[in-house]
Amino acid sequence: MKLEKISDKIAFSDKTFTKRMLFVEDKVLAFVLNMKPGQGLPAHTHEQSDLVLYILSGEGEATVDGNVHKLSEGDVIYLKGEEVFGFTNTGDKDISCFVVITPNPSTIYSKEY
């Protein structure tokens, strides 16, 4: 068993989003994604891996295959790896998200920012 506190992974940067790892395993990658207002992720895919994103606090917009979806605290989305996904903090407060990618696609996603 491994135990981590999500609250220890909530950290922000004025320059860019932050990504703080919780678990980096062969089958699962879990992390906390943090963004200040206006920060975001460019559109991308996750290859053969699926993604679950849970909004811990704040609000933003997810663009999935060109369709925009407003998300706020308590919302959770599931994405298949081939779906094109982008995310932006469109609110006036910081946003934090708990993210799980499975299976862990490669070491490229396992880096903290």
N, C-alpha and C. Protein backbone atom coordinates (compact mmCIF):
# COMPACT_ATOMS: atom_id res chain seq x y z
N MET A 1 0.83 -1.18 0.00
CA MET A 1 0.00 0.00 0.00
C MET A 1 0.87 1.24 0.00
N LYS A 2 0.39 2.26 -0.67
CA LYS A 2 1.05 3.56 -0.65
C LYS A 2 0.00 4.59 -0.27
N LEU A 3 0.40 5.58 0.50
CA LEU A 3 -0.52 6.62 0.96
C LEU A 3 0.08 7.99 0.65
N GLU A 4 -0.71 8.85 0.04
CA GLU A 4 -0.29 10.22 -0.24
C GLU A 4 -1.42 11.15 0.17
N LYS A 5 -1.10 12.38 0.50
CA LYS A 5 -2.09 13.40 0.82
C LYS A 5 -2.21 14.35 -0.37
N ILE A 6 -3.41 14.43 -0.94
CA ILE A 6 -3.63 15.34 -2.06
C ILE A 6 -3.30 16.77 -1.65
N SER A 7 -3.62 17.14 -0.43
CA SER A 7 -3.37 18.52 0.03
C SER A 7 -1.89 18.89 -0.04
N ASP A 8 -1.01 17.90 0.06
CA ASP A 8 0.44 18.17 -0.06
C ASP A 8 0.86 18.44 -1.50
N LYS A 9 -0.01 18.14 -2.45
CA LYS A 9 0.32 18.27 -3.87
C LYS A 9 -0.32 19.50 -4.51
N ILE A 10 -0.97 20.32 -3.72
CA ILE A 10 -1.60 21.53 -4.25
C ILE A 10 -0.59 22.67 -4.13
N ALA A 11 -0.03 23.04 -5.28
CA ALA A 11 1.00 24.08 -5.35
C ALA A 11 0.87 24.80 -6.69
N PHE A 12 1.02 26.10 -6.69
CA PHE A 12 0.80 26.90 -7.89
C PHE A 12 2.04 27.68 -8.28
N SER A 13 2.13 28.00 -9.56
CA SER A 13 3.22 28.81 -10.10
C SER A 13 2.60 29.92 -10.94
N ASP A 14 3.16 31.10 -10.86
CA ASP A 14 2.68 32.20 -11.70
C ASP A 14 3.03 32.00 -13.17
N LYS A 15 4.04 31.16 -13.44
CA LYS A 15 4.53 30.99 -14.81
C LYS A 15 3.73 29.98 -15.62
N THR A 16 3.35 28.85 -15.00
CA THR A 16 2.67 27.78 -15.73
C THR A 16 1.95 26.87 -14.74
N PHE A 17 1.17 25.94 -15.28
CA PHE A 17 0.49 24.97 -14.42
C PHE A 17 1.53 24.13 -13.69
N THR A 18 1.11 23.50 -12.59
CA THR A 18 1.98 22.55 -11.90
C THR A 18 1.33 21.18 -11.93
N LYS A 19 2.17 20.17 -11.92
CA LYS A 19 1.74 18.78 -11.91
C LYS A 19 2.55 18.09 -10.84
N ARG A 20 1.86 17.58 -9.81
CA ARG A 20 2.54 16.94 -8.68
C ARG A 20 2.12 15.48 -8.60
N MET A 21 3.10 14.59 -8.71
CA MET A 21 2.84 13.16 -8.79
C MET A 21 2.37 12.59 -7.45
N LEU A 22 1.40 11.69 -7.54
CA LEU A 22 0.95 10.90 -6.40
C LEU A 22 1.48 9.48 -6.51
N PHE A 23 1.17 8.83 -7.64
CA PHE A 23 1.61 7.45 -7.86
C PHE A 23 2.08 7.29 -9.30
N VAL A 24 3.26 6.72 -9.46
CA VAL A 24 3.79 6.40 -10.78
C VAL A 24 4.07 4.90 -10.77
N GLU A 25 3.16 4.16 -11.36
CA GLU A 25 3.24 2.70 -11.37
C GLU A 25 3.14 2.20 -12.81
N ASP A 26 3.41 0.91 -13.01
CA ASP A 26 3.32 0.34 -14.35
C ASP A 26 1.92 0.48 -14.94
N LYS A 27 0.90 0.29 -14.13
CA LYS A 27 -0.47 0.27 -14.63
C LYS A 27 -1.21 1.59 -14.43
N VAL A 28 -0.72 2.43 -13.55
CA VAL A 28 -1.46 3.65 -13.19
C VAL A 28 -0.52 4.82 -12.95
N LEU A 29 -0.97 5.98 -13.40
CA LEU A 29 -0.29 7.23 -13.13
C LEU A 29 -1.33 8.16 -12.51
N ALA A 30 -1.06 8.68 -11.32
CA ALA A 30 -2.00 9.57 -10.65
C ALA A 30 -1.26 10.81 -10.17
N PHE A 31 -1.89 11.98 -10.40
CA PHE A 31 -1.24 13.23 -10.03
C PHE A 31 -2.29 14.31 -9.77
N VAL A 32 -1.82 15.43 -9.22
CA VAL A 32 -2.66 16.60 -9.03
C VAL A 32 -2.18 17.67 -10.00
N LEU A 33 -3.11 18.21 -10.75
CA LEU A 33 -2.85 19.27 -11.71
C LEU A 33 -3.39 20.57 -11.13
N ASN A 34 -2.57 21.62 -11.09
CA ASN A 34 -2.94 22.90 -10.49
C ASN A 34 -2.72 24.03 -11.49
N MET A 35 -3.71 24.93 -11.59
CA MET A 35 -3.60 26.05 -12.53
C MET A 35 -4.15 27.32 -11.90
N LYS A 36 -3.46 28.39 -12.16
CA LYS A 36 -3.96 29.72 -11.80
C LYS A 36 -4.92 30.17 -12.92
N PRO A 37 -5.74 31.17 -12.66
CA PRO A 37 -6.66 31.65 -13.71
C PRO A 37 -5.91 31.97 -15.00
N GLY A 38 -6.49 31.50 -16.11
CA GLY A 38 -5.90 31.74 -17.42
C GLY A 38 -4.91 30.69 -17.88
N GLN A 39 -4.38 29.89 -16.97
CA GLN A 39 -3.43 28.85 -17.36
C GLN A 39 -4.18 27.65 -17.93
N GLY A 40 -3.48 26.86 -18.76
CA GLY A 40 -4.14 25.71 -19.35
C GLY A 40 -3.20 24.71 -19.98
N LEU A 41 -3.80 23.65 -20.47
CA LEU A 41 -3.10 22.59 -21.19
C LEU A 41 -3.48 22.68 -22.66
N PRO A 42 -2.53 22.58 -23.57
CA PRO A 42 -2.88 22.56 -24.99
C PRO A 42 -3.58 21.25 -25.35
N ALA A 43 -4.27 21.25 -26.46
CA ALA A 43 -4.94 20.04 -26.94
C ALA A 43 -3.92 18.93 -27.17
N HIS A 44 -4.25 17.73 -26.71
CA HIS A 44 -3.37 16.57 -26.84
C HIS A 44 -4.18 15.29 -26.66
N THR A 45 -3.56 14.16 -26.95
CA THR A 45 -4.18 12.85 -26.70
C THR A 45 -3.32 12.09 -25.69
N HIS A 46 -3.84 10.97 -25.25
CA HIS A 46 -3.10 10.11 -24.32
C HIS A 46 -2.86 8.73 -24.91
N GLU A 47 -2.72 8.70 -26.22
CA GLU A 47 -2.37 7.47 -26.93
C GLU A 47 -3.35 6.35 -26.61
N GLN A 48 -2.86 5.27 -26.07
CA GLN A 48 -3.70 4.10 -25.75
C GLN A 48 -4.16 4.09 -24.30
N SER A 49 -4.00 5.18 -23.59
CA SER A 49 -4.35 5.24 -22.18
C SER A 49 -5.59 6.10 -21.97
N ASP A 50 -6.42 5.72 -21.02
CA ASP A 50 -7.60 6.49 -20.67
C ASP A 50 -7.29 7.41 -19.50
N LEU A 51 -8.12 8.44 -19.35
CA LEU A 51 -7.88 9.46 -18.34
C LEU A 51 -9.16 9.75 -17.58
N VAL A 52 -9.04 9.91 -16.27
CA VAL A 52 -10.13 10.38 -15.42
C VAL A 52 -9.65 11.65 -14.75
N LEU A 53 -10.44 12.71 -14.84
CA LEU A 53 -10.09 14.01 -14.26
C LEU A 53 -11.23 14.44 -13.34
N TYR A 54 -10.90 14.68 -12.07
CA TYR A 54 -11.86 15.09 -11.05
C TYR A 54 -11.49 16.50 -10.58
N ILE A 55 -12.44 17.41 -10.64
CA ILE A 55 -12.19 18.79 -10.22
C ILE A 55 -12.29 18.87 -8.70
N LEU A 56 -11.17 19.11 -8.03
CA LEU A 56 -11.14 19.24 -6.58
C LEU A 56 -11.66 20.61 -6.13
N SER A 57 -11.25 21.65 -6.86
CA SER A 57 -11.69 23.01 -6.55
C SER A 57 -11.51 23.88 -7.78
N GLY A 58 -12.34 24.91 -7.90
CA GLY A 58 -12.24 25.83 -9.01
C GLY A 58 -13.16 25.46 -10.16
N GLU A 59 -12.95 26.15 -11.29
CA GLU A 59 -13.76 25.88 -12.48
C GLU A 59 -12.94 26.13 -13.72
N GLY A 60 -13.31 25.43 -14.78
CA GLY A 60 -12.58 25.57 -16.03
C GLY A 60 -13.36 25.02 -17.19
N GLU A 61 -12.68 24.96 -18.33
CA GLU A 61 -13.30 24.42 -19.54
C GLU A 61 -12.42 23.33 -20.13
N ALA A 62 -13.05 22.20 -20.40
CA ALA A 62 -12.38 21.10 -21.10
C ALA A 62 -12.86 21.12 -22.54
N THR A 63 -11.92 21.06 -23.46
CA THR A 63 -12.26 20.93 -24.87
C THR A 63 -11.92 19.50 -25.27
N VAL A 64 -12.95 18.76 -25.70
CA VAL A 64 -12.78 17.35 -26.07
C VAL A 64 -13.26 17.19 -27.51
N ASP A 65 -12.34 16.83 -28.38
CA ASP A 65 -12.65 16.69 -29.80
C ASP A 65 -13.39 17.91 -30.35
N GLY A 66 -12.96 19.10 -29.91
CA GLY A 66 -13.52 20.35 -30.40
C GLY A 66 -14.75 20.85 -29.67
N ASN A 67 -15.31 20.05 -28.77
CA ASN A 67 -16.50 20.46 -28.01
C ASN A 67 -16.09 20.97 -26.63
N VAL A 68 -16.61 22.14 -26.25
CA VAL A 68 -16.26 22.77 -24.98
C VAL A 68 -17.26 22.37 -23.90
N HIS A 69 -16.70 21.99 -22.73
CA HIS A 69 -17.52 21.57 -21.59
C HIS A 69 -17.07 22.36 -20.36
N LYS A 70 -18.01 23.04 -19.71
CA LYS A 70 -17.70 23.76 -18.48
C LYS A 70 -17.67 22.76 -17.33
N LEU A 71 -16.63 22.85 -16.51
CA LEU A 71 -16.47 21.95 -15.37
C LEU A 71 -16.25 22.77 -14.11
N SER A 72 -16.74 22.25 -12.99
CA SER A 72 -16.54 22.93 -11.72
C SER A 72 -16.36 21.88 -10.61
N GLU A 73 -16.07 22.36 -9.43
CA GLU A 73 -15.79 21.50 -8.28
C GLU A 73 -16.79 20.36 -8.18
N GLY A 74 -16.27 19.15 -8.06
CA GLY A 74 -17.10 17.96 -7.93
C GLY A 74 -17.37 17.24 -9.24
N ASP A 75 -17.11 17.89 -10.38
CA ASP A 75 -17.31 17.23 -11.68
C ASP A 75 -16.17 16.26 -11.95
N VAL A 76 -16.49 15.19 -12.64
CA VAL A 76 -15.49 14.20 -13.03
C VAL A 76 -15.76 13.82 -14.49
N ILE A 77 -14.68 13.73 -15.27
CA ILE A 77 -14.83 13.32 -16.67
C ILE A 77 -13.93 12.11 -16.95
N TYR A 78 -14.36 11.33 -17.92
CA TYR A 78 -13.61 10.17 -18.38
C TYR A 78 -13.33 10.38 -19.86
N LEU A 79 -12.08 10.18 -20.25
CA LEU A 79 -11.67 10.35 -21.64
C LEU A 79 -10.94 9.11 -22.14
N LYS A 80 -11.28 8.70 -23.35
CA LYS A 80 -10.52 7.63 -23.99
C LYS A 80 -9.25 8.24 -24.57
N GLY A 81 -8.21 7.46 -24.65
CA GLY A 81 -6.89 7.95 -25.05
C GLY A 81 -6.84 8.68 -26.37
N GLU A 82 -7.66 8.28 -27.33
CA GLU A 82 -7.60 8.91 -28.65
C GLU A 82 -8.38 10.22 -28.73
N GLU A 83 -9.17 10.55 -27.71
CA GLU A 83 -9.90 11.82 -27.73
C GLU A 83 -8.91 12.98 -27.55
N VAL A 84 -9.09 14.03 -28.33
CA VAL A 84 -8.22 15.21 -28.24
C VAL A 84 -8.74 16.08 -27.11
N PHE A 85 -7.87 16.34 -26.13
CA PHE A 85 -8.26 16.98 -24.88
C PHE A 85 -7.39 18.19 -24.58
N GLY A 86 -8.03 19.29 -24.23
CA GLY A 86 -7.35 20.48 -23.73
C GLY A 86 -8.12 20.99 -22.53
N PHE A 87 -7.47 21.75 -21.67
CA PHE A 87 -8.14 22.23 -20.46
C PHE A 87 -7.59 23.60 -20.08
N THR A 88 -8.49 24.51 -19.66
CA THR A 88 -8.10 25.86 -19.26
C THR A 88 -8.86 26.27 -18.01
N ASN A 89 -8.14 26.92 -17.09
CA ASN A 89 -8.79 27.51 -15.93
C ASN A 89 -9.44 28.81 -16.40
N THR A 90 -10.75 28.80 -16.54
CA THR A 90 -11.50 29.97 -16.99
C THR A 90 -12.10 30.75 -15.83
N GLY A 91 -11.89 30.28 -14.62
CA GLY A 91 -12.44 30.95 -13.45
C GLY A 91 -11.54 32.07 -12.96
N ASP A 92 -11.96 32.69 -11.87
CA ASP A 92 -11.17 33.77 -11.28
C ASP A 92 -10.41 33.30 -10.03
N LYS A 93 -10.45 31.99 -9.78
CA LYS A 93 -9.74 31.38 -8.65
C LYS A 93 -8.87 30.24 -9.16
N ASP A 94 -7.92 29.81 -8.36
CA ASP A 94 -7.07 28.67 -8.70
C ASP A 94 -7.93 27.42 -8.85
N ILE A 95 -7.46 26.50 -9.68
CA ILE A 95 -8.14 25.21 -9.86
C ILE A 95 -7.15 24.08 -9.59
N SER A 96 -7.65 23.03 -8.95
CA SER A 96 -6.87 21.81 -8.72
C SER A 96 -7.69 20.62 -9.17
N CYS A 97 -7.02 19.69 -9.85
CA CYS A 97 -7.68 18.49 -10.39
C CYS A 97 -6.89 17.25 -10.00
N PHE A 98 -7.61 16.20 -9.64
CA PHE A 98 -7.01 14.88 -9.41
C PHE A 98 -7.14 14.11 -10.72
N VAL A 99 -6.01 13.61 -11.23
CA VAL A 99 -5.99 12.96 -12.54
C VAL A 99 -5.42 11.55 -12.42
N VAL A 100 -6.08 10.60 -13.09
CA VAL A 100 -5.58 9.23 -13.19
C VAL A 100 -5.50 8.87 -14.66
N ILE A 101 -4.34 8.35 -15.08
CA ILE A 101 -4.15 7.85 -16.44
C ILE A 101 -3.79 6.37 -16.32
N THR A 102 -4.50 5.55 -17.09
CA THR A 102 -4.25 4.12 -17.04
C THR A 102 -4.45 3.48 -18.41
N PRO A 103 -3.61 2.55 -18.81
CA PRO A 103 -2.35 2.25 -18.15
C PRO A 103 -1.37 3.41 -18.32
N ASN A 104 -0.38 3.44 -17.45
CA ASN A 104 0.63 4.49 -17.53
C ASN A 104 1.28 4.42 -18.90
N PRO A 105 1.08 5.46 -19.74
CA PRO A 105 1.52 5.37 -21.14
C PRO A 105 3.02 5.35 -21.34
N SER A 106 3.74 6.14 -20.60
CA SER A 106 5.20 6.20 -20.77
C SER A 106 5.76 7.18 -19.75
N THR A 107 7.06 7.21 -19.69
CA THR A 107 7.71 8.10 -18.73
C THR A 107 7.51 9.57 -19.06
N ILE A 108 7.11 9.89 -20.30
CA ILE A 108 6.92 11.30 -20.66
C ILE A 108 5.83 11.94 -19.80
N TYR A 109 4.83 11.19 -19.39
CA TYR A 109 3.74 11.73 -18.57
C TYR A 109 4.07 11.68 -17.08
N SER A 110 5.16 11.05 -16.71
CA SER A 110 5.50 10.85 -15.31
C SER A 110 6.36 11.94 -14.72
N LYS A 111 6.53 13.04 -15.42
CA LYS A 111 7.37 14.13 -14.94
C LYS A 111 6.54 15.18 -14.21
N GLU A 112 7.12 15.71 -13.14
CA GLU A 112 6.47 16.81 -12.42
C GLU A 112 6.85 18.12 -13.05
N TYR A 113 5.98 19.08 -12.94
CA TYR A 113 6.24 20.45 -13.41
C TYR A 113 6.00 21.39 -12.28
